[in-house]
Amino acid sequence: MSLSDEEQLDQIKSFAKKYGSAMISGILIALIAFFGWEYWQKKNLAEAQNQTAKVQKLMDEAKAASGQPNALATVSEAADKIVKDDADSVQAIQTQFILAKLAYDKQDYAAAEKALKKVENSKVKDAGLVQIVKIRLADSQLAQKKYDEALKTLSTVTEPAFKATADELRGDIYVAKKDNA
C-alpha cells in the first residue's frame, strides 16, 4: 500500500513539527563547536608565532650586542619578560639558552647557571629540550668547580638519547675532581 502525495506531505510535516527544533539545535551546536575549535586553534597559533617572533628579536639583539660589555644586561630584561609570560614554553627555554650563551662568552658561569636554573624544571612537552638544559647546567656548574652539584644535576638526565653526552660530562667532572678511579 503506497501513500499518496498528500499523506507523505502530512508525514513530513508531522516529523518536522516533532523533531525539527531538535535537528536545528543539533546543527547549530555542531556549527558553534566547529567554529569555536577553529577560532581556538588560530588563536593559539597566533600566540605561538608572536612568542617565536619575540625570541627571534631577542636572538638578533643578542647577536648585535655580543661584543659589548653590557650585552647580558641589555638582553636580560626582554628574556625575563618572555619567561614570566610562560615559563613552561619552548620559547622560555630558548631565551634562557641565549642568556646562558652570552654569560658563557663572558666567562660568567654563575650567570649562565642562574639563567638555566630558571627553566631547569620546565614542564614543556619536549623532554629532549629539558635534558639539554640539564646538561648545559651541569657544564656551567663544572666550570664553577661545583662538582657535586654538577653530578647531581647529571643524575636527572634520564633520556637514553642523552646518556652518552651525560656520561662524557660525568667523566669530565671526575677528572676535574681528580677522581680518576
N, C-alpha and C. Protein backbone atom coordinates (compact mmCIF):
# COMPACT_ATOMS: atom_id res chain seq x y z
N MET A 1 0.84 -1.16 0.00
CA MET A 1 0.00 0.00 0.00
C MET A 1 0.90 1.23 0.00
N SER A 2 0.81 2.02 -1.01
CA SER A 2 1.64 3.22 -1.10
C SER A 2 0.83 4.42 -0.64
N LEU A 3 1.57 5.37 -0.12
CA LEU A 3 0.93 6.57 0.40
C LEU A 3 0.80 7.60 -0.71
N SER A 4 -0.25 8.35 -0.63
CA SER A 4 -0.44 9.39 -1.64
C SER A 4 0.48 10.56 -1.32
N ASP A 5 0.58 11.45 -2.28
CA ASP A 5 1.46 12.61 -2.11
C ASP A 5 1.05 13.45 -0.90
N GLU A 6 -0.24 13.55 -0.70
CA GLU A 6 -0.73 14.37 0.41
C GLU A 6 -0.40 13.71 1.76
N GLU A 7 -0.53 12.40 1.82
CA GLU A 7 -0.21 11.67 3.05
C GLU A 7 1.29 11.76 3.36
N GLN A 8 2.12 11.66 2.32
CA GLN A 8 3.55 11.79 2.51
C GLN A 8 3.90 13.19 3.01
N LEU A 9 3.26 14.19 2.46
CA LEU A 9 3.49 15.57 2.88
C LEU A 9 3.06 15.77 4.33
N ASP A 10 1.95 15.16 4.71
CA ASP A 10 1.48 15.25 6.09
C ASP A 10 2.46 14.57 7.05
N GLN A 11 3.03 13.43 6.63
CA GLN A 11 4.01 12.73 7.47
C GLN A 11 5.27 13.57 7.64
N ILE A 12 5.71 14.20 6.57
CA ILE A 12 6.89 15.06 6.63
C ILE A 12 6.64 16.25 7.53
N LYS A 13 5.46 16.83 7.43
CA LYS A 13 5.11 17.97 8.27
C LYS A 13 5.08 17.57 9.74
N SER A 14 4.49 16.42 10.04
CA SER A 14 4.41 15.98 11.43
C SER A 14 5.81 15.63 11.96
N PHE A 15 6.64 15.03 11.11
CA PHE A 15 8.03 14.73 11.50
C PHE A 15 8.80 16.02 11.79
N ALA A 16 8.64 17.03 10.91
CA ALA A 16 9.32 18.32 11.08
C ALA A 16 8.82 19.02 12.33
N LYS A 17 7.52 18.89 12.58
CA LYS A 17 6.95 19.53 13.77
C LYS A 17 7.48 18.87 15.04
N LYS A 18 7.62 17.53 14.98
CA LYS A 18 8.03 16.77 16.14
C LYS A 18 9.54 16.89 16.40
N TYR A 19 10.35 16.80 15.36
CA TYR A 19 11.81 16.75 15.52
C TYR A 19 12.55 17.94 14.91
N GLY A 20 11.88 18.84 14.30
CA GLY A 20 12.53 19.95 13.59
C GLY A 20 13.40 20.83 14.48
N SER A 21 12.89 21.23 15.63
CA SER A 21 13.66 22.13 16.50
C SER A 21 14.89 21.42 17.07
N ALA A 22 14.76 20.11 17.35
CA ALA A 22 15.91 19.35 17.86
C ALA A 22 16.99 19.23 16.79
N MET A 23 16.58 19.01 15.53
CA MET A 23 17.56 18.90 14.44
C MET A 23 18.26 20.23 14.21
N ILE A 24 17.52 21.31 14.22
CA ILE A 24 18.12 22.63 14.01
C ILE A 24 19.07 22.96 15.16
N SER A 25 18.65 22.62 16.39
CA SER A 25 19.52 22.85 17.54
C SER A 25 20.81 22.05 17.43
N GLY A 26 20.69 20.80 17.02
CA GLY A 26 21.87 19.95 16.85
C GLY A 26 22.82 20.50 15.80
N ILE A 27 22.28 20.95 14.70
CA ILE A 27 23.11 21.53 13.63
C ILE A 27 23.79 22.80 14.13
N LEU A 28 23.05 23.64 14.85
CA LEU A 28 23.64 24.87 15.39
C LEU A 28 24.74 24.58 16.39
N ILE A 29 24.53 23.61 17.25
CA ILE A 29 25.56 23.23 18.23
C ILE A 29 26.81 22.73 17.52
N ALA A 30 26.61 21.90 16.50
CA ALA A 30 27.76 21.38 15.74
C ALA A 30 28.52 22.51 15.06
N LEU A 31 27.82 23.47 14.48
CA LEU A 31 28.47 24.60 13.82
C LEU A 31 29.22 25.47 14.83
N ILE A 32 28.59 25.73 15.97
CA ILE A 32 29.25 26.53 17.01
C ILE A 32 30.52 25.83 17.50
N ALA A 33 30.43 24.53 17.72
CA ALA A 33 31.60 23.77 18.17
C ALA A 33 32.72 23.82 17.12
N PHE A 34 32.35 23.63 15.87
CA PHE A 34 33.35 23.64 14.80
C PHE A 34 34.06 24.99 14.70
N PHE A 35 33.28 26.07 14.66
CA PHE A 35 33.89 27.39 14.52
C PHE A 35 34.61 27.82 15.79
N GLY A 36 34.13 27.37 16.95
CA GLY A 36 34.84 27.63 18.19
C GLY A 36 36.20 26.96 18.21
N TRP A 37 36.24 25.72 17.75
CA TRP A 37 37.51 24.99 17.67
C TRP A 37 38.47 25.67 16.71
N GLU A 38 37.98 26.08 15.57
CA GLU A 38 38.81 26.78 14.58
C GLU A 38 39.38 28.08 15.17
N TYR A 39 38.53 28.83 15.86
CA TYR A 39 38.98 30.08 16.49
C TYR A 39 40.07 29.81 17.52
N TRP A 40 39.86 28.80 18.34
CA TRP A 40 40.82 28.47 19.39
C TRP A 40 42.16 28.04 18.78
N GLN A 41 42.15 27.25 17.73
CA GLN A 41 43.37 26.82 17.05
C GLN A 41 44.12 28.02 16.47
N LYS A 42 43.40 28.91 15.81
CA LYS A 42 44.04 30.09 15.21
C LYS A 42 44.61 31.01 16.28
N LYS A 43 43.89 31.15 17.38
CA LYS A 43 44.36 32.00 18.49
C LYS A 43 45.65 31.44 19.07
N ASN A 44 45.71 30.14 19.31
CA ASN A 44 46.91 29.52 19.86
C ASN A 44 48.08 29.62 18.89
N LEU A 45 47.81 29.44 17.62
CA LEU A 45 48.86 29.55 16.61
C LEU A 45 49.40 30.98 16.57
N ALA A 46 48.52 31.96 16.63
CA ALA A 46 48.95 33.36 16.61
C ALA A 46 49.79 33.69 17.84
N GLU A 47 49.40 33.18 19.00
CA GLU A 47 50.18 33.41 20.22
C GLU A 47 51.56 32.77 20.12
N ALA A 48 51.62 31.55 19.61
CA ALA A 48 52.91 30.86 19.47
C ALA A 48 53.80 31.61 18.47
N GLN A 49 53.23 32.08 17.38
CA GLN A 49 54.02 32.82 16.40
C GLN A 49 54.51 34.14 17.00
N ASN A 50 53.70 34.78 17.81
CA ASN A 50 54.08 36.02 18.46
C ASN A 50 55.25 35.78 19.43
N GLN A 51 55.17 34.70 20.21
CA GLN A 51 56.25 34.38 21.14
C GLN A 51 57.53 34.04 20.38
N THR A 52 57.41 33.31 19.29
CA THR A 52 58.58 32.95 18.49
C THR A 52 59.21 34.20 17.88
N ALA A 53 58.39 35.15 17.47
CA ALA A 53 58.92 36.41 16.94
C ALA A 53 59.69 37.18 18.01
N LYS A 54 59.19 37.13 19.25
CA LYS A 54 59.90 37.79 20.35
C LYS A 54 61.26 37.14 20.58
N VAL A 55 61.30 35.81 20.52
CA VAL A 55 62.57 35.10 20.70
C VAL A 55 63.53 35.44 19.56
N GLN A 56 63.02 35.50 18.34
CA GLN A 56 63.87 35.85 17.20
C GLN A 56 64.44 37.26 17.37
N LYS A 57 63.61 38.18 17.82
CA LYS A 57 64.07 39.55 18.06
C LYS A 57 65.15 39.55 19.14
N LEU A 58 64.95 38.76 20.19
CA LEU A 58 65.94 38.64 21.26
C LEU A 58 67.24 38.07 20.74
N MET A 59 67.15 37.08 19.87
CA MET A 59 68.36 36.49 19.27
C MET A 59 69.11 37.53 18.45
N ASP A 60 68.37 38.34 17.70
CA ASP A 60 69.00 39.38 16.90
C ASP A 60 69.68 40.42 17.79
N GLU A 61 69.00 40.80 18.88
CA GLU A 61 69.59 41.75 19.82
C GLU A 61 70.85 41.17 20.48
N ALA A 62 70.78 39.88 20.83
CA ALA A 62 71.93 39.23 21.46
C ALA A 62 73.11 39.17 20.50
N LYS A 63 72.84 38.90 19.25
CA LYS A 63 73.91 38.83 18.25
C LYS A 63 74.53 40.21 18.05
N ALA A 64 73.70 41.24 18.01
CA ALA A 64 74.20 42.60 17.82
C ALA A 64 75.00 43.07 19.04
N ALA A 65 74.59 42.63 20.23
CA ALA A 65 75.24 43.10 21.46
C ALA A 65 76.33 42.16 21.96
N SER A 66 76.62 41.10 21.23
CA SER A 66 77.52 40.07 21.75
C SER A 66 78.92 40.57 22.08
N GLY A 67 79.41 41.58 21.41
CA GLY A 67 80.75 42.08 21.70
C GLY A 67 80.78 43.14 22.78
N GLN A 68 79.64 43.65 23.14
CA GLN A 68 79.58 44.73 24.12
C GLN A 68 79.68 44.19 25.54
N PRO A 69 80.26 44.99 26.45
CA PRO A 69 80.43 44.51 27.82
C PRO A 69 79.11 44.35 28.59
N ASN A 70 78.09 45.11 28.24
CA ASN A 70 76.80 45.01 28.95
C ASN A 70 75.76 44.24 28.15
N ALA A 71 76.19 43.32 27.32
CA ALA A 71 75.27 42.57 26.45
C ALA A 71 74.26 41.77 27.26
N LEU A 72 74.71 41.17 28.34
CA LEU A 72 73.82 40.35 29.15
C LEU A 72 72.71 41.19 29.77
N ALA A 73 73.04 42.34 30.27
CA ALA A 73 72.03 43.22 30.89
C ALA A 73 71.05 43.74 29.84
N THR A 74 71.55 44.01 28.64
CA THR A 74 70.70 44.52 27.57
C THR A 74 69.62 43.52 27.20
N VAL A 75 69.98 42.27 27.12
CA VAL A 75 69.06 41.24 26.65
C VAL A 75 68.25 40.63 27.80
N SER A 76 68.76 40.73 28.99
CA SER A 76 68.16 40.06 30.14
C SER A 76 66.72 40.48 30.42
N GLU A 77 66.43 41.76 30.30
CA GLU A 77 65.08 42.25 30.61
C GLU A 77 64.03 41.65 29.67
N ALA A 78 64.33 41.62 28.38
CA ALA A 78 63.39 41.05 27.41
C ALA A 78 63.23 39.55 27.63
N ALA A 79 64.33 38.89 27.96
CA ALA A 79 64.27 37.44 28.21
C ALA A 79 63.44 37.13 29.44
N ASP A 80 63.60 37.92 30.49
CA ASP A 80 62.82 37.70 31.71
C ASP A 80 61.32 37.86 31.46
N LYS A 81 60.97 38.80 30.59
CA LYS A 81 59.55 39.01 30.26
C LYS A 81 58.98 37.79 29.54
N ILE A 82 59.74 37.21 28.63
CA ILE A 82 59.28 36.03 27.90
C ILE A 82 59.11 34.86 28.87
N VAL A 83 60.06 34.69 29.80
CA VAL A 83 59.96 33.60 30.77
C VAL A 83 58.78 33.83 31.71
N LYS A 84 58.57 35.09 32.10
CA LYS A 84 57.47 35.41 33.01
C LYS A 84 56.12 35.14 32.34
N ASP A 85 56.01 35.41 31.03
CA ASP A 85 54.76 35.17 30.30
C ASP A 85 54.38 33.69 30.31
N ASP A 86 55.34 32.82 30.07
CA ASP A 86 55.07 31.38 30.06
C ASP A 86 56.37 30.62 30.29
N ALA A 87 56.63 30.28 31.55
CA ALA A 87 57.88 29.61 31.90
C ALA A 87 57.95 28.18 31.36
N ASP A 88 56.82 27.60 31.04
CA ASP A 88 56.80 26.23 30.54
C ASP A 88 56.64 26.16 29.03
N SER A 89 57.31 27.07 28.33
CA SER A 89 57.24 27.07 26.87
C SER A 89 58.63 26.86 26.28
N VAL A 90 58.63 26.42 25.06
CA VAL A 90 59.90 26.23 24.34
C VAL A 90 60.61 27.58 24.20
N GLN A 91 59.83 28.63 23.98
CA GLN A 91 60.42 29.96 23.81
C GLN A 91 61.13 30.42 25.08
N ALA A 92 60.60 30.09 26.24
CA ALA A 92 61.25 30.46 27.50
C ALA A 92 62.61 29.76 27.61
N ILE A 93 62.65 28.50 27.24
CA ILE A 93 63.91 27.76 27.30
C ILE A 93 64.91 28.35 26.30
N GLN A 94 64.44 28.69 25.12
CA GLN A 94 65.33 29.27 24.11
C GLN A 94 65.93 30.59 24.60
N THR A 95 65.12 31.42 25.25
CA THR A 95 65.65 32.70 25.74
C THR A 95 66.71 32.47 26.81
N GLN A 96 66.50 31.48 27.65
CA GLN A 96 67.48 31.21 28.69
C GLN A 96 68.77 30.63 28.09
N PHE A 97 68.65 29.88 27.00
CA PHE A 97 69.84 29.42 26.29
C PHE A 97 70.65 30.61 25.76
N ILE A 98 69.94 31.60 25.25
CA ILE A 98 70.61 32.79 24.73
C ILE A 98 71.35 33.52 25.85
N LEU A 99 70.67 33.70 26.98
CA LEU A 99 71.31 34.36 28.12
C LEU A 99 72.51 33.57 28.62
N ALA A 100 72.35 32.26 28.69
CA ALA A 100 73.45 31.41 29.16
C ALA A 100 74.65 31.51 28.21
N LYS A 101 74.38 31.55 26.92
CA LYS A 101 75.48 31.67 25.95
C LYS A 101 76.21 33.00 26.11
N LEU A 102 75.45 34.09 26.26
CA LEU A 102 76.09 35.39 26.47
C LEU A 102 76.94 35.39 27.74
N ALA A 103 76.41 34.78 28.80
CA ALA A 103 77.16 34.71 30.05
C ALA A 103 78.40 33.83 29.89
N TYR A 104 78.25 32.72 29.19
CA TYR A 104 79.38 31.82 28.96
C TYR A 104 80.47 32.52 28.16
N ASP A 105 80.06 33.29 27.15
CA ASP A 105 81.05 34.01 26.33
C ASP A 105 81.86 34.99 27.17
N LYS A 106 81.23 35.54 28.22
CA LYS A 106 81.93 36.46 29.12
C LYS A 106 82.61 35.72 30.26
N GLN A 107 82.52 34.41 30.26
CA GLN A 107 83.04 33.54 31.31
C GLN A 107 82.39 33.85 32.67
N ASP A 108 81.13 34.24 32.62
CA ASP A 108 80.33 34.47 33.82
C ASP A 108 79.45 33.23 34.01
N TYR A 109 80.07 32.18 34.55
CA TYR A 109 79.40 30.90 34.64
C TYR A 109 78.26 30.91 35.67
N ALA A 110 78.36 31.76 36.66
CA ALA A 110 77.28 31.87 37.66
C ALA A 110 76.02 32.43 37.00
N ALA A 111 76.17 33.41 36.12
CA ALA A 111 75.01 33.96 35.42
C ALA A 111 74.42 32.93 34.47
N ALA A 112 75.27 32.14 33.84
CA ALA A 112 74.78 31.07 32.96
C ALA A 112 73.99 30.05 33.77
N GLU A 113 74.51 29.70 34.93
CA GLU A 113 73.80 28.75 35.79
C GLU A 113 72.46 29.33 36.24
N LYS A 114 72.45 30.60 36.60
CA LYS A 114 71.21 31.25 37.05
C LYS A 114 70.17 31.24 35.93
N ALA A 115 70.60 31.54 34.71
CA ALA A 115 69.67 31.56 33.58
C ALA A 115 69.09 30.18 33.32
N LEU A 116 69.92 29.15 33.39
CA LEU A 116 69.44 27.80 33.10
C LEU A 116 68.58 27.24 34.23
N LYS A 117 68.85 27.65 35.46
CA LYS A 117 68.05 27.17 36.58
C LYS A 117 66.61 27.66 36.50
N LYS A 118 66.39 28.81 35.83
CA LYS A 118 65.02 29.33 35.69
C LYS A 118 64.11 28.37 34.94
N VAL A 119 64.69 27.60 34.03
CA VAL A 119 63.87 26.69 33.21
C VAL A 119 64.26 25.22 33.40
N GLU A 120 65.04 24.95 34.43
CA GLU A 120 65.51 23.58 34.67
C GLU A 120 64.35 22.60 34.85
N ASN A 121 63.33 23.01 35.56
CA ASN A 121 62.19 22.12 35.84
C ASN A 121 60.97 22.47 35.01
N SER A 122 61.22 22.94 33.80
CA SER A 122 60.13 23.31 32.90
C SER A 122 59.27 22.10 32.58
N LYS A 123 57.99 22.33 32.42
CA LYS A 123 57.07 21.25 32.11
C LYS A 123 56.72 21.23 30.61
N VAL A 124 57.66 21.66 29.80
CA VAL A 124 57.46 21.64 28.36
C VAL A 124 57.38 20.19 27.89
N LYS A 125 56.61 19.95 26.84
CA LYS A 125 56.38 18.57 26.37
C LYS A 125 57.60 17.96 25.69
N ASP A 126 58.58 18.77 25.33
CA ASP A 126 59.79 18.29 24.65
C ASP A 126 60.82 17.87 25.70
N ALA A 127 60.84 16.58 26.03
CA ALA A 127 61.73 16.07 27.07
C ALA A 127 63.20 16.25 26.68
N GLY A 128 63.51 16.17 25.42
CA GLY A 128 64.89 16.33 24.96
C GLY A 128 65.42 17.72 25.25
N LEU A 129 64.59 18.72 25.09
CA LEU A 129 64.99 20.10 25.35
C LEU A 129 65.31 20.29 26.83
N VAL A 130 64.53 19.70 27.69
CA VAL A 130 64.77 19.78 29.13
C VAL A 130 66.08 19.06 29.48
N GLN A 131 66.35 17.95 28.81
CA GLN A 131 67.60 17.24 29.06
C GLN A 131 68.82 18.08 28.65
N ILE A 132 68.68 18.81 27.55
CA ILE A 132 69.77 19.70 27.12
C ILE A 132 70.00 20.80 28.15
N VAL A 133 68.92 21.33 28.71
CA VAL A 133 69.04 22.35 29.75
C VAL A 133 69.86 21.79 30.91
N LYS A 134 69.55 20.57 31.32
CA LYS A 134 70.24 19.97 32.47
C LYS A 134 71.71 19.69 32.15
N ILE A 135 72.00 19.28 30.94
CA ILE A 135 73.39 19.02 30.57
C ILE A 135 74.18 20.34 30.56
N ARG A 136 73.61 21.38 30.00
CA ARG A 136 74.29 22.67 29.97
C ARG A 136 74.42 23.26 31.37
N LEU A 137 73.44 23.02 32.20
CA LEU A 137 73.50 23.47 33.59
C LEU A 137 74.65 22.77 34.32
N ALA A 138 74.77 21.47 34.13
CA ALA A 138 75.86 20.72 34.74
C ALA A 138 77.21 21.22 34.22
N ASP A 139 77.27 21.58 32.96
CA ASP A 139 78.50 22.11 32.39
C ASP A 139 78.88 23.45 33.03
N SER A 140 77.90 24.30 33.26
CA SER A 140 78.20 25.59 33.90
C SER A 140 78.61 25.37 35.36
N GLN A 141 78.04 24.37 36.02
CA GLN A 141 78.44 24.06 37.39
C GLN A 141 79.86 23.50 37.41
N LEU A 142 80.22 22.71 36.41
CA LEU A 142 81.58 22.20 36.30
C LEU A 142 82.55 23.36 36.13
N ALA A 143 82.21 24.33 35.30
CA ALA A 143 83.09 25.48 35.07
C ALA A 143 83.30 26.28 36.36
N GLN A 144 82.33 26.23 37.28
CA GLN A 144 82.45 26.93 38.56
C GLN A 144 83.06 26.04 39.65
N LYS A 145 83.45 24.83 39.27
CA LYS A 145 84.04 23.85 40.20
C LYS A 145 83.05 23.39 41.26
N LYS A 146 81.78 23.38 40.91
CA LYS A 146 80.74 22.83 41.79
C LYS A 146 80.51 21.38 41.35
N TYR A 147 81.47 20.53 41.64
CA TYR A 147 81.47 19.19 41.09
C TYR A 147 80.30 18.34 41.57
N ASP A 148 80.03 18.39 42.88
CA ASP A 148 78.94 17.55 43.41
C ASP A 148 77.58 18.00 42.88
N GLU A 149 77.38 19.32 42.76
CA GLU A 149 76.13 19.83 42.19
C GLU A 149 75.98 19.39 40.74
N ALA A 150 77.10 19.44 40.01
CA ALA A 150 77.06 19.04 38.59
C ALA A 150 76.71 17.56 38.46
N LEU A 151 77.28 16.74 39.33
CA LEU A 151 76.96 15.31 39.29
C LEU A 151 75.49 15.08 39.65
N LYS A 152 74.99 15.84 40.61
CA LYS A 152 73.59 15.71 41.00
C LYS A 152 72.68 16.13 39.83
N THR A 153 73.04 17.21 39.16
CA THR A 153 72.26 17.65 38.01
C THR A 153 72.27 16.60 36.89
N LEU A 154 73.44 16.02 36.66
CA LEU A 154 73.55 14.99 35.61
C LEU A 154 72.76 13.73 35.95
N SER A 155 72.56 13.47 37.23
CA SER A 155 71.80 12.27 37.60
C SER A 155 70.33 12.39 37.18
N THR A 156 69.88 13.62 36.90
CA THR A 156 68.49 13.81 36.46
C THR A 156 68.34 13.67 34.95
N VAL A 157 69.43 13.50 34.23
CA VAL A 157 69.37 13.28 32.78
C VAL A 157 69.04 11.81 32.58
N THR A 158 67.81 11.54 32.15
CA THR A 158 67.33 10.15 32.09
C THR A 158 67.01 9.66 30.68
N GLU A 159 66.94 10.56 29.73
CA GLU A 159 66.60 10.15 28.36
C GLU A 159 67.77 9.33 27.76
N PRO A 160 67.48 8.18 27.19
CA PRO A 160 68.54 7.34 26.61
C PRO A 160 69.35 8.04 25.52
N ALA A 161 68.74 8.93 24.78
CA ALA A 161 69.44 9.61 23.69
C ALA A 161 70.55 10.52 24.21
N PHE A 162 70.47 10.92 25.47
CA PHE A 162 71.45 11.84 26.04
C PHE A 162 72.40 11.15 27.02
N LYS A 163 72.32 9.83 27.11
CA LYS A 163 73.14 9.09 28.05
C LYS A 163 74.63 9.25 27.75
N ALA A 164 75.01 9.16 26.50
CA ALA A 164 76.44 9.26 26.14
C ALA A 164 76.98 10.65 26.46
N THR A 165 76.23 11.67 26.16
CA THR A 165 76.67 13.04 26.45
C THR A 165 76.78 13.25 27.95
N ALA A 166 75.82 12.76 28.70
CA ALA A 166 75.85 12.90 30.16
C ALA A 166 77.02 12.12 30.74
N ASP A 167 77.27 10.91 30.22
CA ASP A 167 78.41 10.12 30.71
C ASP A 167 79.74 10.79 30.41
N GLU A 168 79.85 11.40 29.24
CA GLU A 168 81.08 12.11 28.89
C GLU A 168 81.31 13.28 29.84
N LEU A 169 80.27 14.05 30.11
CA LEU A 169 80.39 15.17 31.03
C LEU A 169 80.66 14.68 32.45
N ARG A 170 80.05 13.58 32.83
CA ARG A 170 80.30 12.99 34.14
C ARG A 170 81.77 12.60 34.27
N GLY A 171 82.34 12.05 33.20
CA GLY A 171 83.77 11.72 33.19
C GLY A 171 84.63 12.96 33.33
N ASP A 172 84.26 14.04 32.64
CA ASP A 172 84.99 15.30 32.77
C ASP A 172 84.96 15.82 34.20
N ILE A 173 83.83 15.66 34.86
CA ILE A 173 83.70 16.11 36.24
C ILE A 173 84.61 15.29 37.15
N TYR A 174 84.64 13.98 36.96
CA TYR A 174 85.50 13.14 37.79
C TYR A 174 86.98 13.45 37.55
N VAL A 175 87.34 13.72 36.33
CA VAL A 175 88.73 14.10 36.02
C VAL A 175 89.06 15.43 36.69
N ALA A 176 88.14 16.40 36.63
CA ALA A 176 88.37 17.69 37.27
C ALA A 176 88.49 17.52 38.79
N LYS A 177 87.75 16.57 39.36
CA LYS A 177 87.84 16.30 40.79
C LYS A 177 89.08 15.51 41.15
N LYS A 178 89.77 15.06 40.12
CA LYS A 178 90.95 14.17 40.26
C LYS A 178 90.54 12.84 40.87
N ASP A 179 89.34 12.39 40.54
CA ASP A 179 88.83 11.11 40.97
C ASP A 179 88.87 10.18 39.76
N ASN A 180 90.07 9.78 39.38
CA ASN A 180 90.26 9.01 38.15
C ASN A 180 89.83 7.56 38.27
N ALA A 181 89.66 7.08 39.47
CA ALA A 181 89.25 5.67 39.64
C ALA A 181 87.82 5.53 39.16
